[in-house]
Every structure is written in C-alpha cells, then in structure tokens.
Amino acid sequence: MMKHLRRTLAILALGSVLAGMPQAAGAKPSNDVALQQTAEARRPNIILILADDLGVEGINAYGGEYHTPNVDRLAAEGMRFDNAHAMPLCSPSRVRLMTGQENWRNYEAFGYLAPGQRTFGNVMRDLGYSTGMVGKWQLMGNGFDGRVGITPEAAGFDESYLWQLQAMARKGSRYWGPTRANNGKPKISEEGFGPDLDSTQALDFISRHKDKPFFLYYSMVLVHNPFVQTPDSMTAQWAKDRFSGMVTYMDRLVGDLMTRLKREGLDKNTVIIFTSDNGTNQQIISTRDGHQVKGGKGLPTINGTHVPFIAWGPGVPRGTVSKALVDFTDLLPTFAEIAGKGEAAGKVDGVSQWPVMEGKLRHVRDTIFMHYAPMWQYEPSRFAFDDSWKLYGNGQFVKMDPVSGTETEIKPNERKGEAGRRYTVLRKLLDQTKDGQLNATLYPWCEGQASLDPAKPSTVGGCAKMPSGEE
C-alpha cells in the first residue's frame, strides 16, 4: 500500500515539474490548449455580401427575370428570407446596418458615419476575428458640410480595399478604369474592371486568413448606375440590357467566392449573408412572377426597402424559406451570436436573427420602424410596418403586396377586422417612438446658394448647382 502511494506522489511531483518547464519546439500542446484551439477553429467565418441598388425582384430565386444561378444556389442550399428590409437609400442603410442603431440615433448626413461609432467591424475584431472590407465605403463625409467621418480602421477593419473612401477626392470610377484605396492608399488604374479588382482582394483575404476565424464585409459596387457593359456583356446597348448584364456579373463574382471557399476547405465552416442596401434604381422595370415591378430606390415604399436576404452555411437548414421580418439593425447582434458571444453586441436596436436562421424560431420581431431622413434629394418620412401592413407618419395606411411591389391604401372607414388590429399596433409604435423631427434637408450642396424657392432655404428648396459624382 505504501509502495503504491509513494509511486503516485512521485508521478504527481514529476507532472508538476514538467508543467513548469517550457515545451520543446514542435511539442504537442496540452489537452486544454488543444481544446481551446479546436474551439477557436470551430467558430464559423462570416461573410456579408452587400449588393448595391438591388431590390428583391432582381434575383431569380425570388421570381425575378435575371440570370443569378449562384445566388439562387445560396438560396437552394440555405434559407431565403422573404420579408427583409433595408432603408430606401445607401447611406442610411449602411449606417443602420453597421451600427445596429436606428437612423434617428446616429445618422447625421448623407455619406457620413461619425467617428466614435461602434460597428460590427469593431465587435468582430474584439471577438478575435480577422476583419476585412472590400468594395464601397462612402462614409467619410459628403464633401459639402465639412464633416469628416469614420475611417475603416476606426470602424474595426484590419484591412480594406475600397472605392469612394473620401468625398470630393479624385475617386475615378467604380467600374472601368477604377480607383481604389488599398488600406487607405488610393490608386487610379487605367485598365481593368473595378468589380474584378474587388473580387481578387476578397478572395485573397479569404485565402490568407483561412487558418483563423475571419469576418469579411464584401460591399459590392455592382449594380449601381451608371449602367455599364461588363466583361461578359460587352455588346449590351440599352440601360435595361446593361443592368441585366451587371446583375449576372455580380452573381458570377458570388460564384467565384463560393468556389474559393470550397478550394480552401472553408465551405463547411463559413456563414454567408447575401443582401442589398436598398431597392433597385427607379429607371429599371423588372418582371417578377409575372408582375412589372418598378425600382423604388430612394422611396419609402415597399419597392424602396424590400431586398433579397439569404443565409447560407453551417447550422442553416437547407432549402428553407422564412417569412420572418428582418431589419438591417439585426445584422450586428446576429453576427455576435454566430460568433458565440451574443452579449458582445451591446445595446442596439436590432435583434439577433440567428435563432431564425438555425430554424429554432419562426420569427424574432413583429414590426419594423424606420426614421428616413436621408438629407439627399429624397423626401423624409417615418413609417412602421409588419409583413403585410404599413402606416406612414402622415396617417396613410396601406396593405402591401411584396410580390407585385404594390401598396393599396386602406381608408379610415375600411380599417376593420384584421386591418383595424394591425393599424392599432402600428399606430401605437409610431406614437411611442420618440425619434424627434425629420430633417427636411434635400440639397446639402446648395448651402450658400440662391434658393429656387424663395420661401425655403436653398438646402430645402434647391438651387441651380448640382453635385458631381455618384450616390
């Protein structure tokens, strides 16, 4: 008995000594370290693909007319959301998307996100992810009001390759002969197609960071106007034909990304969210399930906010369709929960959609509120809606048809039964949201110019001057 006891004590003592010794090069990690490394490796990579100016009618999986086989594949292998909504215009959407905050809290001007804001880039970097962004930035100011916005680095991105990093700078083109800023250093290329350069950078980021969890915000410049010929549609002549070619080229780049994930062995451990920042350009009329749908970019109507939204990756049931409401404020908390630290989202207006994406809950929100004051050409509006009904701040109550993209007004004497119940809920939401006054500014570039409407300041009434560049 004593012999066995002495032997046990000796083994324990030796273990204690060895634990305090440095490991030889190439030695296997301890079980605890190995388990920690395994847990780290299991945290999924996250890629957010954000198309520019593409309403839900632009994707074939939603009944659209355009050729989008790769995005359709994401939908077939993942979850397609039929009730996802962005803000009607790019800058309000991007501020809302990146910070998880309602616009009335932190949207101050078009093309601007204030320094000091906490974005999903900051959250993911704090959680130990390598963070990168490729594509459109347009958040450092509009160049007219003196504001200088947040930098990609301050917004949490370790690496960036961006178009329109700074307002009023020589930004060149987003397409042919493109300008891009590589980690803040701008370069104008005489040759090449901008989306191809962006794709190369996105794929390179994936390959270089394949051994550690990464977060990639792929903010595509397609399919925003000007409507141009792509390398695959050089004979396209009219705006609609060029737009169609741009949609399909965008889809091709999505396919290239999926191929790279497969090649690097990351397709089983990467969550992809595909969506868009607002509705399609108003110049474009598309066919969706037999309906003619006019693009609603800039407008607070369903065609201005209704965007494709597809989740793909581990944990997402294959080939499923969700009717759940999704708002852009929901992305930040969703990413935090996918990373296993939902509490890291902090105080936001959004709610995590991950339980819906996993198929555990049918929905996590019943309504969406929007305070839309873009301060850029479009009339401001505040409104609240659910999956079928919308109430505008001016009292207009409508029934929405998400397939045809139409809104039918329901007069006060018709608000009975289901319509009456929904109206009461939305009226209460509008009344209880203390978001303050809508900013009436439409033309910030007219500051100091003669107003076209003597009864209004030039920033509201307009002026003879028009801005150069692209939204």
Protein backbone atom coordinates (compact mmCIF):
# COMPACT_ATOMS: atom_id res chain seq x y z
CA MET A 1 0.00 0.00 0.00
CA MET A 2 2.76 2.48 0.98
CA LYS A 3 4.70 1.49 -2.14
CA HIS A 4 1.79 2.43 -4.40
CA LEU A 5 1.24 5.70 -2.50
CA ARG A 6 4.91 6.73 -2.86
CA ARG A 7 4.73 5.95 -6.60
CA THR A 8 1.60 8.06 -7.04
CA LEU A 9 3.13 11.03 -5.20
CA ALA A 10 6.26 10.78 -7.31
CA ILE A 11 4.22 10.87 -10.54
CA LEU A 12 2.29 13.89 -9.33
CA ALA A 13 5.51 15.67 -8.38
CA LEU A 14 7.06 14.93 -11.76
CA GLY A 15 3.95 16.24 -13.51
CA SER A 16 4.17 19.45 -11.53
CA VAL A 17 7.80 19.93 -12.54
CA LEU A 18 7.08 19.21 -16.21
CA ALA A 19 4.15 21.63 -16.21
CA GLY A 20 6.52 24.44 -15.25
CA MET A 21 9.08 23.62 -17.94
CA PRO A 22 8.99 25.24 -21.37
CA GLN A 23 7.81 22.94 -24.16
CA ALA A 24 10.33 21.81 -26.71
CA ALA A 25 9.86 23.09 -30.23
CA GLY A 26 7.32 21.01 -32.08
CA ALA A 27 5.88 19.54 -28.88
CA LYS A 28 2.16 18.81 -28.89
CA PRO A 29 0.02 21.30 -26.95
CA SER A 30 -1.61 20.24 -23.72
CA ASN A 31 -5.16 18.93 -23.81
CA ASP A 32 -6.51 22.27 -22.56
CA VAL A 33 -4.65 24.21 -25.25
CA ALA A 34 -5.71 21.72 -27.91
CA LEU A 35 -9.34 22.03 -26.85
CA GLN A 36 -9.09 25.82 -26.92
CA GLN A 37 -7.57 25.73 -30.41
CA THR A 38 -10.29 23.35 -31.58
CA ALA A 39 -13.00 25.63 -30.20
CA GLU A 40 -11.34 28.58 -31.96
CA ALA A 41 -11.24 26.68 -35.24
CA ARG A 42 -14.92 25.76 -34.93
CA ARG A 43 -16.05 29.37 -34.73
CA PRO A 44 -17.50 29.99 -38.18
CA ASN A 45 -16.13 32.56 -40.56
CA ILE A 46 -18.70 35.18 -41.54
CA ILE A 47 -19.05 36.88 -44.92
CA LEU A 48 -21.57 39.64 -45.54
CA ILE A 49 -22.15 40.28 -49.26
CA LEU A 50 -23.98 43.56 -49.82
CA ALA A 51 -25.11 44.34 -53.36
CA ASP A 52 -25.66 47.99 -54.30
CA ASP A 53 -29.14 49.06 -55.50
CA LEU A 54 -30.78 45.67 -55.98
CA GLY A 55 -34.35 45.07 -54.90
CA VAL A 56 -35.78 41.65 -54.25
CA GLU A 57 -37.10 41.47 -57.82
CA GLY A 58 -33.51 41.32 -59.11
CA ILE A 59 -32.90 37.73 -58.03
CA ASN A 60 -34.24 34.72 -59.92
CA ALA A 61 -34.77 32.74 -56.69
CA TYR A 62 -37.33 35.40 -55.75
CA GLY A 63 -39.12 35.10 -59.09
CA GLY A 64 -37.01 37.72 -60.86
CA GLU A 65 -36.16 37.62 -64.55
CA TYR A 66 -32.36 37.90 -64.31
CA HIS A 67 -29.82 35.08 -64.53
CA THR A 68 -28.48 34.60 -60.99
CA PRO A 69 -27.54 30.89 -60.61
CA ASN A 70 -25.01 31.36 -57.82
CA VAL A 71 -27.23 33.46 -55.56
CA ASP A 72 -30.01 31.00 -56.38
CA ARG A 73 -27.70 28.22 -55.19
CA LEU A 74 -27.20 30.03 -51.89
CA ALA A 75 -30.98 30.11 -51.52
CA ALA A 76 -31.37 26.45 -52.50
CA GLU A 77 -28.70 25.35 -50.03
CA GLY A 78 -29.63 27.80 -47.27
CA MET A 79 -32.53 29.94 -46.07
CA ARG A 80 -34.29 32.54 -48.21
CA PHE A 81 -35.95 35.35 -46.27
CA ASP A 82 -38.99 36.84 -47.99
CA ASN A 83 -39.51 39.84 -45.68
CA ALA A 84 -36.14 41.53 -45.31
CA HIS A 85 -35.90 45.31 -45.43
CA ALA A 86 -33.15 47.89 -45.80
CA MET A 87 -33.51 51.66 -45.68
CA PRO A 88 -34.52 53.11 -49.08
CA LEU A 89 -31.10 54.68 -49.77
CA CYS A 90 -27.47 53.60 -49.43
CA SER A 91 -26.03 55.84 -46.69
CA PRO A 92 -28.95 55.49 -44.24
CA SER A 93 -28.87 51.73 -44.84
CA ARG A 94 -25.14 51.37 -44.29
CA VAL A 95 -25.14 53.39 -41.08
CA ARG A 96 -28.07 51.34 -39.77
CA LEU A 97 -26.50 48.08 -40.95
CA MET A 98 -23.06 48.62 -39.49
CA THR A 99 -24.06 50.02 -36.09
CA GLY A 100 -27.33 48.22 -35.31
CA GLN A 101 -28.82 51.62 -34.46
CA GLU A 102 -31.96 53.31 -35.75
CA ASN A 103 -31.14 56.25 -38.03
CA TRP A 104 -32.58 58.84 -35.66
CA ARG A 105 -29.88 57.95 -33.15
CA ASN A 106 -26.74 58.33 -35.26
CA TYR A 107 -27.44 59.29 -38.89
CA GLU A 108 -26.26 62.89 -39.29
CA ALA A 109 -25.64 63.39 -43.01
CA PHE A 110 -25.51 61.58 -46.32
CA GLY A 111 -22.26 59.71 -46.90
CA TYR A 112 -21.23 60.10 -43.27
CA LEU A 113 -20.76 57.94 -40.21
CA ALA A 114 -19.47 59.87 -37.22
CA PRO A 115 -16.14 58.93 -35.63
CA GLY A 116 -16.54 57.01 -32.41
CA GLN A 117 -19.42 54.86 -33.61
CA ARG A 118 -19.20 51.14 -32.79
CA THR A 119 -19.71 48.96 -35.83
CA PHE A 120 -19.94 45.24 -36.48
CA GLY A 121 -16.29 45.51 -37.55
CA ASN A 122 -15.34 46.62 -34.03
CA VAL A 123 -17.45 43.86 -32.49
CA MET A 124 -15.96 41.10 -34.61
CA ARG A 125 -12.39 42.31 -34.14
CA ASP A 126 -12.93 42.45 -30.38
CA LEU A 127 -14.11 38.84 -30.58
CA GLY A 128 -10.80 37.80 -32.12
CA TYR A 129 -11.81 37.70 -35.77
CA SER A 130 -9.57 38.94 -38.57
CA THR A 131 -11.62 41.68 -40.18
CA GLY A 132 -11.57 42.90 -43.75
CA MET A 133 -13.70 45.07 -46.01
CA VAL A 134 -13.80 45.23 -49.79
CA GLY A 135 -15.89 47.47 -52.06
CA LYS A 136 -17.89 50.65 -51.39
CA TRP A 137 -17.20 52.81 -48.32
CA GLN A 138 -18.79 56.28 -48.78
CA LEU A 139 -18.89 57.05 -45.05
CA MET A 140 -16.17 59.67 -44.55
CA GLY A 141 -18.38 62.62 -45.49
CA ASN A 142 -20.27 64.09 -48.44
CA GLY A 143 -17.85 66.95 -49.05
CA PHE A 144 -20.44 69.71 -48.65
CA ASP A 145 -20.95 70.22 -44.92
CA GLY A 146 -17.40 69.96 -43.57
CA ARG A 147 -17.97 66.69 -41.72
CA VAL A 148 -15.14 64.15 -41.75
CA GLY A 149 -16.39 60.68 -40.99
CA ILE A 150 -15.03 57.49 -39.56
CA THR A 151 -12.14 55.62 -41.18
CA PRO A 152 -12.27 51.90 -41.98
CA GLU A 153 -9.59 51.28 -39.35
CA ALA A 154 -11.58 53.07 -36.66
CA ALA A 155 -14.65 51.10 -37.75
CA GLY A 156 -12.85 47.89 -36.87
CA PHE A 157 -11.36 46.68 -40.15
CA ASP A 158 -7.81 45.35 -40.10
CA GLU A 159 -7.65 45.51 -43.89
CA SER A 160 -9.61 47.46 -46.51
CA TYR A 161 -9.75 47.81 -50.27
CA LEU A 162 -12.33 50.48 -51.04
CA TRP A 163 -13.99 52.66 -53.61
CA GLN A 164 -15.08 56.21 -52.65
CA LEU A 165 -13.11 56.27 -49.44
CA GLN A 166 -13.11 60.08 -49.28
CA ALA A 167 -15.68 62.52 -50.65
CA MET A 168 -14.61 65.07 -53.26
CA ALA A 169 -11.29 63.30 -53.75
CA ARG A 170 -10.24 62.01 -57.16
CA LYS A 171 -12.33 58.91 -56.91
CA GLY A 172 -12.33 57.94 -60.58
CA SER A 173 -14.71 55.17 -61.50
CA ARG A 174 -16.22 52.27 -59.63
CA TYR A 175 -16.19 50.32 -62.91
CA TRP A 176 -13.83 50.70 -65.89
CA GLY A 177 -10.52 52.42 -65.16
CA PRO A 178 -11.29 52.14 -61.45
CA THR A 179 -10.00 53.93 -58.40
CA ARG A 180 -9.47 52.00 -55.20
CA ALA A 181 -7.83 52.77 -51.85
CA ASN A 182 -5.78 49.85 -50.57
CA ASN A 183 -5.54 50.25 -46.80
CA GLY A 184 -6.05 53.97 -47.26
CA LYS A 185 -3.68 54.47 -50.20
CA PRO A 186 -5.60 55.47 -53.34
CA LYS A 187 -4.65 54.35 -56.83
CA ILE A 188 -6.34 55.12 -60.16
CA SER A 189 -5.99 52.23 -62.60
CA GLU A 190 -6.01 52.99 -66.32
CA GLU A 191 -7.19 49.47 -67.12
CA GLY A 192 -9.38 46.83 -65.58
CA PHE A 193 -12.91 46.43 -64.29
CA GLY A 194 -13.35 47.57 -60.70
CA PRO A 195 -15.53 44.66 -59.52
CA ASP A 196 -12.84 42.24 -60.73
CA LEU A 197 -10.23 44.02 -58.62
CA ASP A 198 -12.56 43.90 -55.64
CA SER A 199 -13.15 40.19 -56.17
CA THR A 200 -9.43 39.48 -56.32
CA GLN A 201 -8.94 41.24 -52.99
CA ALA A 202 -11.87 39.45 -51.36
CA LEU A 203 -10.63 36.03 -52.48
CA ASP A 204 -7.10 36.85 -51.37
CA PHE A 205 -8.36 37.87 -47.93
CA ILE A 206 -10.15 34.52 -47.61
CA SER A 207 -7.06 32.53 -48.55
CA ARG A 208 -4.69 34.47 -46.31
CA HIS A 209 -6.95 34.14 -43.26
CA LYS A 210 -8.16 30.58 -43.71
CA ASP A 211 -6.44 29.35 -40.53
CA LYS A 212 -8.22 31.75 -38.19
CA PRO A 213 -11.84 32.91 -37.95
CA PHE A 214 -12.42 35.89 -40.21
CA PHE A 215 -15.15 38.43 -40.88
CA LEU A 216 -15.36 39.82 -44.42
CA TYR A 217 -17.67 42.68 -45.35
CA TYR A 218 -17.90 42.45 -49.15
CA SER A 219 -19.70 45.68 -50.06
CA MET A 220 -20.08 45.26 -53.82
CA VAL A 221 -20.16 48.25 -56.14
CA LEU A 222 -22.48 46.38 -58.53
CA VAL A 223 -25.23 47.00 -59.66
CA HIS A 224 -25.39 50.75 -59.06
CA ASN A 225 -25.66 53.10 -62.05
CA PRO A 226 -24.08 54.16 -64.36
CA PHE A 227 -25.28 51.08 -66.20
CA VAL A 228 -22.22 49.80 -68.00
CA GLN A 229 -21.11 46.87 -70.07
CA THR A 230 -19.29 44.18 -68.09
CA PRO A 231 -16.52 41.90 -69.38
CA ASP A 232 -19.27 39.35 -70.08
CA SER A 233 -21.78 41.74 -71.70
CA MET A 234 -19.73 43.98 -73.97
CA THR A 235 -22.45 44.15 -76.63
CA ALA A 236 -25.24 45.29 -74.27
CA GLN A 237 -26.68 48.56 -75.57
CA TRP A 238 -29.66 49.82 -73.58
CA ALA A 239 -29.88 50.58 -69.87
CA LYS A 240 -32.05 47.55 -69.07
CA ASP A 241 -29.73 45.20 -71.01
CA ARG A 242 -26.65 46.63 -69.34
CA PHE A 243 -28.34 46.36 -65.94
CA SER A 244 -29.18 42.73 -66.66
CA GLY A 245 -25.56 42.03 -67.54
CA MET A 246 -24.41 43.75 -64.34
CA VAL A 247 -26.74 41.62 -62.21
CA THR A 248 -25.42 38.44 -63.78
CA TYR A 249 -21.82 39.59 -63.41
CA MET A 250 -22.45 40.32 -59.74
CA ASP A 251 -23.78 36.78 -59.47
CA ARG A 252 -20.68 35.41 -61.17
CA LEU A 253 -18.48 37.08 -58.53
CA VAL A 254 -20.59 35.47 -55.81
CA GLY A 255 -19.87 32.15 -57.50
CA ASP A 256 -16.14 32.89 -57.54
CA LEU A 257 -16.26 33.48 -53.80
CA MET A 258 -18.08 30.21 -53.18
CA THR A 259 -15.53 28.38 -55.33
CA ARG A 260 -12.67 29.86 -53.30
CA LEU A 261 -14.30 28.77 -50.04
CA LYS A 262 -14.59 25.25 -51.41
CA ARG A 263 -10.99 25.20 -52.60
CA GLU A 264 -9.70 26.33 -49.22
CA GLY A 265 -11.86 23.82 -47.35
CA LEU A 266 -13.88 26.60 -45.70
CA ASP A 267 -17.30 25.91 -47.20
CA LYS A 268 -18.37 23.84 -44.19
CA ASN A 269 -17.34 26.48 -41.66
CA THR A 270 -18.42 29.79 -43.20
CA VAL A 271 -21.73 31.62 -42.85
CA ILE A 272 -22.66 33.82 -45.81
CA ILE A 273 -25.33 36.51 -45.72
CA PHE A 274 -26.30 37.92 -49.11
CA THR A 275 -28.42 41.07 -49.24
CA SER A 276 -28.62 44.58 -50.75
CA ASP A 277 -28.58 48.13 -49.40
CA ASN A 278 -31.87 49.37 -50.92
CA GLY A 279 -34.31 48.93 -53.77
CA THR A 280 -33.46 48.94 -57.46
CA ASN A 281 -32.84 52.15 -59.39
CA GLN A 282 -36.11 53.78 -60.43
CA GLN A 283 -35.08 53.66 -64.10
CA ILE A 284 -35.36 49.87 -64.11
CA ILE A 285 -38.64 47.96 -64.50
CA SER A 286 -38.27 44.24 -63.89
CA THR A 287 -40.57 41.26 -64.23
CA ARG A 288 -41.20 39.27 -61.06
CA ASP A 289 -43.59 36.33 -61.09
CA GLY A 290 -45.48 37.93 -63.96
CA HIS A 291 -45.66 41.39 -62.33
CA GLN A 292 -43.97 44.52 -63.65
CA VAL A 293 -42.00 45.93 -60.72
CA LYS A 294 -40.57 49.44 -60.92
CA GLY A 295 -37.43 50.06 -58.91
CA GLY A 296 -38.09 52.05 -55.74
CA LYS A 297 -34.67 53.32 -54.68
CA GLY A 298 -34.98 56.43 -52.53
CA LEU A 299 -38.69 55.95 -51.84
CA PRO A 300 -40.18 54.77 -48.53
CA THR A 301 -42.44 52.33 -50.39
CA ILE A 302 -42.02 48.55 -50.30
CA ASN A 303 -40.00 48.68 -53.54
CA GLY A 304 -37.57 51.03 -51.84
CA THR A 305 -36.94 48.80 -48.82
CA HIS A 306 -37.67 45.20 -49.86
CA VAL A 307 -34.35 43.46 -50.53
CA PRO A 308 -33.10 39.91 -51.04
CA PHE A 309 -31.72 38.29 -47.90
CA ILE A 310 -30.23 34.80 -47.92
CA ALA A 311 -28.39 32.95 -45.15
CA TRP A 312 -26.11 30.03 -46.05
CA GLY A 313 -23.72 27.95 -44.02
CA PRO A 314 -23.35 25.58 -41.06
CA GLY A 315 -26.44 25.43 -38.89
CA VAL A 316 -28.75 26.88 -41.55
CA PRO A 317 -31.36 24.36 -42.76
CA ARG A 318 -31.04 23.65 -46.48
CA GLY A 319 -33.68 24.78 -48.92
CA THR A 320 -35.86 26.65 -46.44
CA VAL A 321 -37.94 29.79 -46.83
CA SER A 322 -38.66 32.14 -43.94
CA LYS A 323 -41.45 34.68 -43.70
CA ALA A 324 -39.77 36.32 -40.71
CA LEU A 325 -39.29 40.08 -40.73
CA VAL A 326 -35.64 41.11 -40.96
CA ASP A 327 -34.35 44.63 -40.40
CA PHE A 328 -30.81 45.88 -41.07
CA THR A 329 -30.32 46.73 -37.39
CA ASP A 330 -30.46 42.97 -36.78
CA LEU A 331 -27.18 42.13 -38.51
CA LEU A 332 -24.77 43.28 -35.79
CA PRO A 333 -26.36 41.19 -33.00
CA THR A 334 -26.73 38.28 -35.41
CA PHE A 335 -23.01 38.26 -36.15
CA ALA A 336 -22.16 38.44 -32.45
CA GLU A 337 -24.36 35.43 -31.74
CA ILE A 338 -22.93 33.43 -34.65
CA ALA A 339 -19.51 34.06 -33.11
CA GLY A 340 -20.80 32.63 -29.83
CA LYS A 341 -20.85 35.92 -27.90
CA GLY A 342 -24.28 37.41 -28.33
CA GLU A 343 -23.77 39.73 -25.38
CA ALA A 344 -20.90 41.41 -27.25
CA ALA A 345 -23.46 43.20 -29.43
CA GLY A 346 -24.14 45.58 -26.57
CA LYS A 347 -27.12 47.91 -26.62
CA VAL A 348 -28.55 48.01 -30.13
CA ASP A 349 -31.97 48.45 -31.68
CA GLY A 350 -31.73 45.21 -33.62
CA VAL A 351 -32.33 41.65 -32.50
CA SER A 352 -30.33 38.56 -33.50
CA GLN A 353 -31.83 36.60 -36.38
CA TRP A 354 -29.57 33.59 -35.74
CA PRO A 355 -32.31 31.55 -33.99
CA VAL A 356 -34.44 32.00 -37.11
CA MET A 357 -31.55 31.13 -39.40
CA GLU A 358 -30.99 27.95 -37.40
CA GLY A 359 -34.65 27.04 -37.70
CA LYS A 360 -35.22 27.25 -33.93
CA LEU A 361 -37.69 30.16 -34.07
CA ARG A 362 -40.14 31.26 -36.73
CA HIS A 363 -39.53 34.95 -36.08
CA VAL A 364 -37.91 37.30 -33.56
CA ARG A 365 -39.66 40.57 -34.41
CA ASP A 366 -43.23 41.56 -35.32
CA THR A 367 -42.69 45.07 -36.67
CA ILE A 368 -40.10 47.42 -38.15
CA PHE A 369 -39.87 51.17 -37.57
CA MET A 370 -37.94 53.48 -39.89
CA HIS A 371 -36.96 57.11 -39.46
CA TYR A 372 -35.97 58.03 -43.00
CA ALA A 373 -34.40 61.46 -43.41
CA PRO A 374 -31.58 60.90 -45.93
CA MET A 375 -30.77 64.61 -46.38
CA TRP A 376 -30.08 63.84 -50.01
CA GLN A 377 -32.68 64.56 -52.74
CA TYR A 378 -35.46 62.35 -51.32
CA GLU A 379 -38.35 63.46 -49.13
CA PRO A 380 -38.09 62.36 -45.48
CA SER A 381 -40.66 60.03 -43.97
CA ARG A 382 -41.23 57.98 -40.85
CA PHE A 383 -43.22 54.77 -41.00
CA ALA A 384 -43.84 51.43 -39.33
CA PHE A 385 -44.83 48.12 -40.88
CA ASP A 386 -45.16 44.38 -40.43
CA ASP A 387 -45.19 41.67 -43.08
CA SER A 388 -48.34 42.98 -44.82
CA TRP A 389 -49.38 46.39 -43.47
CA LYS A 390 -47.68 49.79 -43.27
CA LEU A 391 -48.57 53.05 -41.53
CA TYR A 392 -46.86 56.27 -42.60
CA GLY A 393 -46.32 59.19 -40.27
CA ASN A 394 -48.76 61.29 -42.31
CA GLY A 395 -51.54 58.82 -41.42
CA GLN A 396 -51.63 56.90 -44.70
CA PHE A 397 -52.33 53.21 -44.01
CA VAL A 398 -51.62 50.66 -46.76
CA LYS A 399 -51.79 46.95 -47.47
CA MET A 400 -48.55 45.77 -49.07
CA ASP A 401 -48.16 43.07 -51.69
CA PRO A 402 -44.49 42.02 -51.53
CA VAL A 403 -44.69 40.06 -54.80
CA SER A 404 -46.10 42.75 -57.07
CA GLY A 405 -44.46 45.51 -55.05
CA THR A 406 -47.67 47.46 -54.68
CA GLU A 407 -49.25 49.33 -51.78
CA THR A 408 -53.03 49.76 -51.60
CA GLU A 409 -54.36 52.49 -49.32
CA ILE A 410 -56.88 51.47 -46.67
CA LYS A 411 -59.21 54.38 -45.91
CA PRO A 412 -60.28 55.09 -42.30
CA ASN A 413 -63.76 53.61 -42.82
CA GLU A 414 -62.17 50.39 -44.15
CA ARG A 415 -59.94 49.75 -41.14
CA LYS A 416 -61.96 46.89 -39.71
CA GLY A 417 -61.15 43.36 -38.64
CA GLU A 418 -57.53 42.40 -39.33
CA ALA A 419 -56.82 45.79 -40.90
CA GLY A 420 -58.09 47.54 -37.77
CA ARG A 421 -55.99 45.38 -35.45
CA ARG A 422 -52.83 45.93 -37.46
CA TYR A 423 -53.48 49.65 -37.69
CA THR A 424 -53.77 49.88 -33.90
CA VAL A 425 -50.44 48.12 -33.36
CA LEU A 426 -48.59 50.27 -35.89
CA ARG A 427 -50.22 53.48 -34.66
CA LYS A 428 -49.01 52.70 -31.15
CA LEU A 429 -45.48 52.03 -32.41
CA LEU A 430 -45.34 55.34 -34.26
CA ASP A 431 -46.73 57.25 -31.29
CA GLN A 432 -44.38 55.66 -28.74
CA THR A 433 -41.17 56.08 -30.75
CA LYS A 434 -39.66 59.38 -29.66
CA ASP A 435 -37.43 59.88 -32.68
CA GLY A 436 -37.76 63.65 -33.00
CA GLN A 437 -38.33 65.76 -36.08
CA LEU A 438 -37.38 64.63 -39.58
CA ASN A 439 -34.59 66.71 -41.10
CA ALA A 440 -36.05 68.47 -44.15
CA THR A 441 -32.72 68.95 -45.94
CA LEU A 442 -32.80 67.69 -49.53
CA TYR A 443 -29.90 69.52 -51.17
CA PRO A 444 -26.92 69.90 -48.81
CA TRP A 445 -24.74 71.07 -51.69
CA CYS A 446 -26.92 74.19 -52.04
CA GLU A 447 -25.70 75.74 -48.79
CA GLY A 448 -24.96 79.40 -49.52
CA GLN A 449 -26.55 79.28 -52.99
CA ALA A 450 -29.66 81.14 -54.16
CA SER A 451 -32.79 79.09 -53.44
CA LEU A 452 -35.11 78.09 -56.28
CA ASP A 453 -37.98 78.53 -53.83
CA PRO A 454 -37.71 81.92 -52.08
CA ALA A 455 -39.98 80.67 -49.29
CA LYS A 456 -37.50 77.93 -48.33
CA PRO A 457 -33.79 77.78 -47.59
CA SER A 458 -31.73 76.60 -50.53
CA THR A 459 -30.94 73.29 -48.81
CA VAL A 460 -34.68 72.52 -48.88
CA GLY A 461 -35.84 74.42 -51.96
CA GLY A 462 -32.89 73.57 -54.19
CA CYS A 463 -30.50 75.64 -56.28
CA ALA A 464 -29.02 75.78 -59.77
CA LYS A 465 -25.96 73.84 -58.67
CA MET A 466 -25.91 70.05 -58.95
CA PRO A 467 -23.42 67.69 -57.28
CA SER A 468 -20.93 65.70 -59.29
CA GLY A 469 -20.20 62.07 -58.66
CA GLU A 470 -22.36 59.11 -57.69
CA GLU A 471 -24.63 58.29 -54.78
